[in-house]
Amino acid sequence: MKNIKDEALIWMHFGGVFIIWLVILFFSNKHFNIDSEALKKIPDAVTTYVIVLFIFTEWAWKLKIFKGWLVPFPNLEGTWEGNFTTTWEGRGNVPQSIPMILVIKQSFNSISCCLYTKESSSYSTTAQINEDDNSGIFRLSYNYTNRPKASIRSRSEIHDGAAILRIVEKPEKSLEGEYWTSRKTTGDVKLKFKSAELLQSFPE
């Protein structure tokens, strides 16, 4: 996942340290005199910048003020609710619509996905957000392992899979796309954003 635009990243690092250094000099009564004492303040500026960067990557990156010019990818964290259809023959010859939730946990540097249904749960092994050739269209793609409940493994074994979901932000937040599995099945996925709460199981 490309977390930040390259040009903005360079300016943010150098500019951030420089500005913090100037602020430290001002409050230490150095009045911007570049001497040996002023240079000794550079490590303080770097330390302060690291703290600010930590706050940014953990929380502040979600603020709308940074969207687009600094943070190009959307914030997907929360619980998404919808359905998927499957071609799995264990459910008959006709694809069926199965209720599901997708719980996305996201930080500035990483993203993970957990999918829950009444019968199974899936956990991503890799996940990323990519833009389609600077088109402004973003897609969430991830690989996962699915673990059905022990009581149904006679007809639904543990398996691996992958999914690609297009991210729609207008007119409402939604995810839509497809998945495929090591069981040689495929299906379509449609989800709508439900809440920022991170659920840990399929709601009863």
C-alpha atoms as a PDB file:
ATOM      1  CA  MET A   1       0.000   0.000   0.000  1.00  0.00           C
ATOM      2  CA  LYS A   2       1.436   3.337  -1.027  1.00  0.00           C
ATOM      3  CA  ASN A   3       0.914   5.210   2.202  1.00  0.00           C
ATOM      4  CA  ILE A   4       1.831   8.697   1.116  1.00  0.00           C
ATOM      5  CA  LYS A   5       2.814  10.620  -1.978  1.00  0.00           C
ATOM      6  CA  ASP A   6       6.580  10.546  -2.467  1.00  0.00           C
ATOM      7  CA  GLU A   7       7.044  14.281  -2.975  1.00  0.00           C
ATOM      8  CA  ALA A   8       4.974  15.122   0.084  1.00  0.00           C
ATOM      9  CA  LEU A   9       6.865  12.554   2.140  1.00  0.00           C
ATOM     10  CA  ILE A  10      10.244  14.179   1.406  1.00  0.00           C
ATOM     11  CA  TRP A  11       9.000  17.662   2.245  1.00  0.00           C
ATOM     12  CA  MET A  12       7.258  16.410   5.366  1.00  0.00           C
ATOM     13  CA  HIS A  13      10.407  14.826   6.808  1.00  0.00           C
ATOM     14  CA  PHE A  14      12.882  17.612   6.077  1.00  0.00           C
ATOM     15  CA  GLY A  15      10.426  20.449   6.549  1.00  0.00           C
ATOM     16  CA  GLY A  16       9.028  18.960   9.729  1.00  0.00           C
ATOM     17  CA  VAL A  17      12.417  18.599  11.414  1.00  0.00           C
ATOM     18  CA  PHE A  18      13.455  22.088  10.262  1.00  0.00           C
ATOM     19  CA  ILE A  19      10.306  23.795  11.559  1.00  0.00           C
ATOM     20  CA  ILE A  20      10.501  22.024  14.899  1.00  0.00           C
ATOM     21  CA  TRP A  21      14.186  22.998  15.154  1.00  0.00           C
ATOM     22  CA  LEU A  22      13.287  26.648  14.575  1.00  0.00           C
ATOM     23  CA  VAL A  23      10.563  26.494  17.213  1.00  0.00           C
ATOM     24  CA  ILE A  24      12.983  24.977  19.722  1.00  0.00           C
ATOM     25  CA  LEU A  25      15.526  27.713  18.979  1.00  0.00           C
ATOM     26  CA  PHE A  26      12.899  30.402  19.436  1.00  0.00           C
ATOM     27  CA  PHE A  27      11.747  29.137  22.821  1.00  0.00           C
ATOM     28  CA  SER A  28      15.316  28.570  24.018  1.00  0.00           C
ATOM     29  CA  ASN A  29      16.116  32.240  23.288  1.00  0.00           C
ATOM     30  CA  LYS A  30      18.618  31.494  20.550  1.00  0.00           C
ATOM     31  CA  HIS A  31      16.855  33.881  18.153  1.00  0.00           C
ATOM     32  CA  PHE A  32      17.751  31.729  15.177  1.00  0.00           C
ATOM     33  CA  ASN A  33      21.505  32.233  15.503  1.00  0.00           C
ATOM     34  CA  ILE A  34      23.160  29.308  13.735  1.00  0.00           C
ATOM     35  CA  ASP A  35      26.038  28.449  16.048  1.00  0.00           C
ATOM     36  CA  SER A  36      27.305  25.371  17.857  1.00  0.00           C
ATOM     37  CA  GLU A  37      24.646  25.681  20.543  1.00  0.00           C
ATOM     38  CA  ALA A  38      21.916  25.864  17.932  1.00  0.00           C
ATOM     39  CA  LEU A  39      23.250  22.762  16.173  1.00  0.00           C
ATOM     40  CA  LYS A  40      23.103  20.879  19.461  1.00  0.00           C
ATOM     41  CA  LYS A  41      19.330  21.338  19.348  1.00  0.00           C
ATOM     42  CA  ILE A  42      18.992  19.269  16.164  1.00  0.00           C
ATOM     43  CA  PRO A  43      18.712  15.928  18.062  1.00  0.00           C
ATOM     44  CA  ASP A  44      15.901  17.464  20.132  1.00  0.00           C
ATOM     45  CA  ALA A  45      14.151  18.468  16.935  1.00  0.00           C
ATOM     46  CA  VAL A  46      14.512  14.963  15.503  1.00  0.00           C
ATOM     47  CA  THR A  47      13.132  13.389  18.691  1.00  0.00           C
ATOM     48  CA  THR A  48      10.156  15.747  18.733  1.00  0.00           C
ATOM     49  CA  TYR A  49       9.495  15.048  15.062  1.00  0.00           C
ATOM     50  CA  VAL A  50       9.496  11.289  15.687  1.00  0.00           C
ATOM     51  CA  ILE A  51       6.857  11.796  18.395  1.00  0.00           C
ATOM     52  CA  VAL A  52       4.742  13.953  16.065  1.00  0.00           C
ATOM     53  CA  LEU A  53       5.152  11.358  13.301  1.00  0.00           C
ATOM     54  CA  PHE A  54       3.974   8.616  15.661  1.00  0.00           C
ATOM     55  CA  ILE A  55       0.829  10.593  16.489  1.00  0.00           C
ATOM     56  CA  PHE A  56       0.237  11.169  12.779  1.00  0.00           C
ATOM     57  CA  THR A  57       0.618   7.521  11.767  1.00  0.00           C
ATOM     58  CA  GLU A  58      -1.507   6.253  14.657  1.00  0.00           C
ATOM     59  CA  TRP A  59      -4.382   8.734  14.512  1.00  0.00           C
ATOM     60  CA  ALA A  60      -4.030  12.062  12.730  1.00  0.00           C
ATOM     61  CA  TRP A  61      -3.717  10.580   9.205  1.00  0.00           C
ATOM     62  CA  LYS A  62      -7.480   9.894   9.325  1.00  0.00           C
ATOM     63  CA  LEU A  63      -8.313  13.610   9.470  1.00  0.00           C
ATOM     64  CA  LYS A  64      -9.903  14.961   6.302  1.00  0.00           C
ATOM     65  CA  ILE A  65      -7.420  17.849   6.158  1.00  0.00           C
ATOM     66  CA  PHE A  66      -4.706  15.415   5.015  1.00  0.00           C
ATOM     67  CA  LYS A  67      -6.806  13.515   2.493  1.00  0.00           C
ATOM     68  CA  GLY A  68      -5.705  13.720  -1.126  1.00  0.00           C
ATOM     69  CA  TRP A  69      -2.628  15.947  -0.980  1.00  0.00           C
ATOM     70  CA  LEU A  70      -0.793  13.976   1.711  1.00  0.00           C
ATOM     71  CA  VAL A  71      -2.687  10.733   2.295  1.00  0.00           C
ATOM     72  CA  PRO A  72      -3.954   9.372  -1.033  1.00  0.00           C
ATOM     73  CA  PHE A  73      -5.765   6.254   0.174  1.00  0.00           C
ATOM     74  CA  PRO A  74      -9.187   6.146   1.897  1.00  0.00           C
ATOM     75  CA  ASN A  75      -9.848   5.219   5.509  1.00  0.00           C
ATOM     76  CA  LEU A  76     -11.719   1.890   5.522  1.00  0.00           C
ATOM     77  CA  GLU A  77     -11.493   1.018   9.208  1.00  0.00           C
ATOM     78  CA  GLY A  78     -14.734  -0.273  10.665  1.00  0.00           C
ATOM     79  CA  THR A  79     -17.374  -2.915  10.090  1.00  0.00           C
ATOM     80  CA  TRP A  80     -18.881  -3.459   6.638  1.00  0.00           C
ATOM     81  CA  GLU A  81     -22.100  -5.398   6.171  1.00  0.00           C
ATOM     82  CA  GLY A  82     -23.496  -7.137   3.114  1.00  0.00           C
ATOM     83  CA  ASN A  83     -23.673 -10.379   1.172  1.00  0.00           C
ATOM     84  CA  PHE A  84     -21.625 -12.570  -1.099  1.00  0.00           C
ATOM     85  CA  THR A  85     -22.703 -15.106  -3.702  1.00  0.00           C
ATOM     86  CA  THR A  86     -20.795 -18.339  -4.164  1.00  0.00           C
ATOM     87  CA  THR A  87     -20.518 -20.974  -6.881  1.00  0.00           C
ATOM     88  CA  TRP A  88     -19.625 -23.594  -4.275  1.00  0.00           C
ATOM     89  CA  GLU A  89     -21.450 -26.796  -5.203  1.00  0.00           C
ATOM     90  CA  GLY A  90     -21.916 -27.648  -1.555  1.00  0.00           C
ATOM     91  CA  ARG A  91     -24.711 -25.085  -1.575  1.00  0.00           C
ATOM     92  CA  GLY A  92     -26.375 -26.368  -4.739  1.00  0.00           C
ATOM     93  CA  ASN A  93     -26.041 -25.548  -8.418  1.00  0.00           C
ATOM     94  CA  VAL A  94     -27.503 -22.052  -8.104  1.00  0.00           C
ATOM     95  CA  PRO A  95     -25.297 -19.340  -6.501  1.00  0.00           C
ATOM     96  CA  GLN A  96     -26.740 -18.288  -3.173  1.00  0.00           C
ATOM     97  CA  SER A  97     -26.544 -14.969  -1.349  1.00  0.00           C
ATOM     98  CA  ILE A  98     -24.916 -15.340   2.077  1.00  0.00           C
ATOM     99  CA  PRO A  99     -24.962 -12.582   4.746  1.00  0.00           C
ATOM    100  CA  MET A 100     -21.516 -11.514   5.946  1.00  0.00           C
ATOM    101  CA  ILE A 101     -19.602  -8.770   7.677  1.00  0.00           C
ATOM    102  CA  LEU A 102     -16.094  -7.602   6.862  1.00  0.00           C
ATOM    103  CA  VAL A 103     -14.155  -6.014   9.717  1.00  0.00           C
ATOM    104  CA  ILE A 104     -11.242  -3.864   8.567  1.00  0.00           C
ATOM    105  CA  LYS A 105      -8.531  -2.731  10.943  1.00  0.00           C
ATOM    106  CA  GLN A 106      -6.331  -0.026   9.444  1.00  0.00           C
ATOM    107  CA  SER A 107      -3.395   2.094  10.490  1.00  0.00           C
ATOM    108  CA  PHE A 108      -1.271   4.408   8.362  1.00  0.00           C
ATOM    109  CA  ASN A 109       1.182   1.595   7.644  1.00  0.00           C
ATOM    110  CA  SER A 110      -0.978  -1.528   7.523  1.00  0.00           C
ATOM    111  CA  ILE A 111      -4.419  -2.971   6.913  1.00  0.00           C
ATOM    112  CA  SER A 112      -6.031  -6.291   7.827  1.00  0.00           C
ATOM    113  CA  CYS A 113      -9.402  -7.892   7.133  1.00  0.00           C
ATOM    114  CA  CYS A 114     -11.590 -10.350   9.053  1.00  0.00           C
ATOM    115  CA  LEU A 115     -14.692 -11.794   7.417  1.00  0.00           C
ATOM    116  CA  TYR A 116     -17.448 -13.417   9.457  1.00  0.00           C
ATOM    117  CA  THR A 117     -20.528 -15.426   8.497  1.00  0.00           C
ATOM    118  CA  LYS A 118     -22.765 -17.700  10.554  1.00  0.00           C
ATOM    119  CA  GLU A 119     -20.668 -20.715   9.561  1.00  0.00           C
ATOM    120  CA  SER A 120     -17.070 -19.520   9.225  1.00  0.00           C
ATOM    121  CA  SER A 121     -14.485 -16.816   9.704  1.00  0.00           C
ATOM    122  CA  SER A 122     -11.640 -15.624   7.475  1.00  0.00           C
ATOM    123  CA  TYR A 123      -8.451 -13.781   8.382  1.00  0.00           C
ATOM    124  CA  SER A 124      -6.271 -11.948   5.906  1.00  0.00           C
ATOM    125  CA  THR A 125      -2.635 -12.980   5.521  1.00  0.00           C
ATOM    126  CA  THR A 126      -1.791 -10.004   3.311  1.00  0.00           C
ATOM    127  CA  ALA A 127      -3.794  -6.909   2.404  1.00  0.00           C
ATOM    128  CA  GLN A 128      -3.212  -3.646   0.560  1.00  0.00           C
ATOM    129  CA  ILE A 129      -4.942  -0.726  -1.125  1.00  0.00           C
ATOM    130  CA  ASN A 130      -3.948   0.108  -4.703  1.00  0.00           C
ATOM    131  CA  GLU A 131      -4.971   2.780  -7.188  1.00  0.00           C
ATOM    132  CA  ASP A 132      -5.796   1.835 -10.774  1.00  0.00           C
ATOM    133  CA  ASP A 133      -3.206   3.742 -12.846  1.00  0.00           C
ATOM    134  CA  ASN A 134      -3.817   7.148 -11.217  1.00  0.00           C
ATOM    135  CA  SER A 135      -7.484   6.919 -12.193  1.00  0.00           C
ATOM    136  CA  GLY A 136      -8.716   7.758  -8.724  1.00  0.00           C
ATOM    137  CA  ILE A 137     -10.273   4.298  -8.428  1.00  0.00           C
ATOM    138  CA  PHE A 138      -8.970   2.408  -5.390  1.00  0.00           C
ATOM    139  CA  ARG A 139      -9.197  -1.300  -4.741  1.00  0.00           C
ATOM    140  CA  LEU A 140      -8.721  -3.336  -1.607  1.00  0.00           C
ATOM    141  CA  SER A 141      -7.065  -6.682  -2.298  1.00  0.00           C
ATOM    142  CA  TYR A 142      -6.207  -9.351   0.230  1.00  0.00           C
ATOM    143  CA  ASN A 143      -5.373 -13.028   0.647  1.00  0.00           C
ATOM    144  CA  TYR A 144      -7.038 -14.974   3.411  1.00  0.00           C
ATOM    145  CA  THR A 145      -7.495 -18.303   5.174  1.00  0.00           C
ATOM    146  CA  ASN A 146     -11.046 -19.437   5.881  1.00  0.00           C
ATOM    147  CA  ARG A 147     -11.882 -21.621   8.876  1.00  0.00           C
ATOM    148  CA  PRO A 148     -15.409 -23.061   8.904  1.00  0.00           C
ATOM    149  CA  LYS A 149     -16.860 -24.168  12.218  1.00  0.00           C
ATOM    150  CA  ALA A 150     -15.789 -27.676  13.230  1.00  0.00           C
ATOM    151  CA  SER A 151     -19.375 -28.937  13.031  1.00  0.00           C
ATOM    152  CA  ILE A 152     -19.590 -28.344   9.264  1.00  0.00           C
ATOM    153  CA  ARG A 153     -16.091 -29.294   8.082  1.00  0.00           C
ATOM    154  CA  SER A 154     -17.400 -32.539   6.636  1.00  0.00           C
ATOM    155  CA  ARG A 155     -18.889 -30.412   3.858  1.00  0.00           C
ATOM    156  CA  SER A 156     -16.755 -27.262   4.107  1.00  0.00           C
ATOM    157  CA  GLU A 157     -13.034 -27.709   4.703  1.00  0.00           C
ATOM    158  CA  ILE A 158     -10.459 -25.084   5.674  1.00  0.00           C
ATOM    159  CA  HIS A 159      -9.259 -23.293   2.540  1.00  0.00           C
ATOM    160  CA  ASP A 160      -7.364 -20.276   1.229  1.00  0.00           C
ATOM    161  CA  GLY A 161      -8.603 -17.528  -1.026  1.00  0.00           C
ATOM    162  CA  ALA A 162      -8.208 -14.003  -2.340  1.00  0.00           C
ATOM    163  CA  ALA A 163     -10.491 -11.030  -2.931  1.00  0.00           C
ATOM    164  CA  ILE A 164     -10.400  -7.769  -4.879  1.00  0.00           C
ATOM    165  CA  LEU A 165     -12.932  -5.110  -3.886  1.00  0.00           C
ATOM    166  CA  ARG A 166     -13.488  -1.737  -5.528  1.00  0.00           C
ATOM    167  CA  ILE A 167     -13.757   1.087  -2.995  1.00  0.00           C
ATOM    168  CA  VAL A 168     -16.763   3.368  -3.568  1.00  0.00           C
ATOM    169  CA  GLU A 169     -17.012   6.548  -1.473  1.00  0.00           C
ATOM    170  CA  LYS A 170     -19.882   8.360  -3.252  1.00  0.00           C
ATOM    171  CA  PRO A 171     -22.863   8.443  -3.068  1.00  0.00           C
ATOM    172  CA  GLU A 172     -22.288   6.107  -0.092  1.00  0.00           C
ATOM    173  CA  LYS A 173     -19.374   4.107   1.234  1.00  0.00           C
ATOM    174  CA  SER A 174     -19.392   0.611  -0.191  1.00  0.00           C
ATOM    175  CA  LEU A 175     -17.143  -2.214  -1.349  1.00  0.00           C
ATOM    176  CA  GLU A 176     -17.890  -4.427  -4.329  1.00  0.00           C
ATOM    177  CA  GLY A 177     -15.882  -7.017  -6.186  1.00  0.00           C
ATOM    178  CA  GLU A 178     -15.118 -10.712  -6.369  1.00  0.00           C
ATOM    179  CA  TYR A 179     -13.272 -13.528  -4.649  1.00  0.00           C
ATOM    180  CA  TRP A 180     -11.880 -16.932  -5.540  1.00  0.00           C
ATOM    181  CA  THR A 181     -10.653 -19.844  -3.479  1.00  0.00           C
ATOM    182  CA  SER A 182      -8.371 -22.880  -3.509  1.00  0.00           C
ATOM    183  CA  ARG A 183     -11.574 -24.964  -3.706  1.00  0.00           C
ATOM    184  CA  LYS A 184     -11.943 -23.616  -7.269  1.00  0.00           C
ATOM    185  CA  THR A 185     -14.981 -21.555  -6.366  1.00  0.00           C
ATOM    186  CA  THR A 186     -15.669 -17.911  -7.090  1.00  0.00           C
ATOM    187  CA  GLY A 187     -18.231 -15.329  -6.082  1.00  0.00           C
ATOM    188  CA  ASP A 188     -19.286 -11.692  -5.939  1.00  0.00           C
ATOM    189  CA  VAL A 189     -19.152  -9.451  -2.868  1.00  0.00           C
ATOM    190  CA  LYS A 190     -21.224  -6.364  -2.042  1.00  0.00           C
ATOM    191  CA  LEU A 191     -20.801  -4.476   1.229  1.00  0.00           C
ATOM    192  CA  LYS A 192     -21.885  -1.193   2.768  1.00  0.00           C
ATOM    193  CA  PHE A 193     -20.192   0.617   5.624  1.00  0.00           C
ATOM    194  CA  LYS A 194     -22.013  -0.060   8.881  1.00  0.00           C
ATOM    195  CA  SER A 195     -20.038   1.548  11.705  1.00  0.00           C
ATOM    196  CA  ALA A 196     -16.587   2.411  13.022  1.00  0.00           C
ATOM    197  CA  GLU A 197     -16.976  -0.286  15.683  1.00  0.00           C
ATOM    198  CA  LEU A 198     -14.749  -3.321  15.119  1.00  0.00           C
ATOM    199  CA  LEU A 199     -16.963  -6.369  15.654  1.00  0.00           C
ATOM    200  CA  GLN A 200     -15.344  -9.689  16.519  1.00  0.00           C
ATOM    201  CA  SER A 201     -18.017 -12.113  15.342  1.00  0.00           C
ATOM    202  CA  PHE A 202     -21.080 -12.345  13.129  1.00  0.00           C
ATOM    203  CA  PRO A 203     -24.009 -10.685  14.945  1.00  0.00           C
ATOM    204  CA  GLU A 204     -26.775 -13.002  16.079  1.00  0.00           C
END
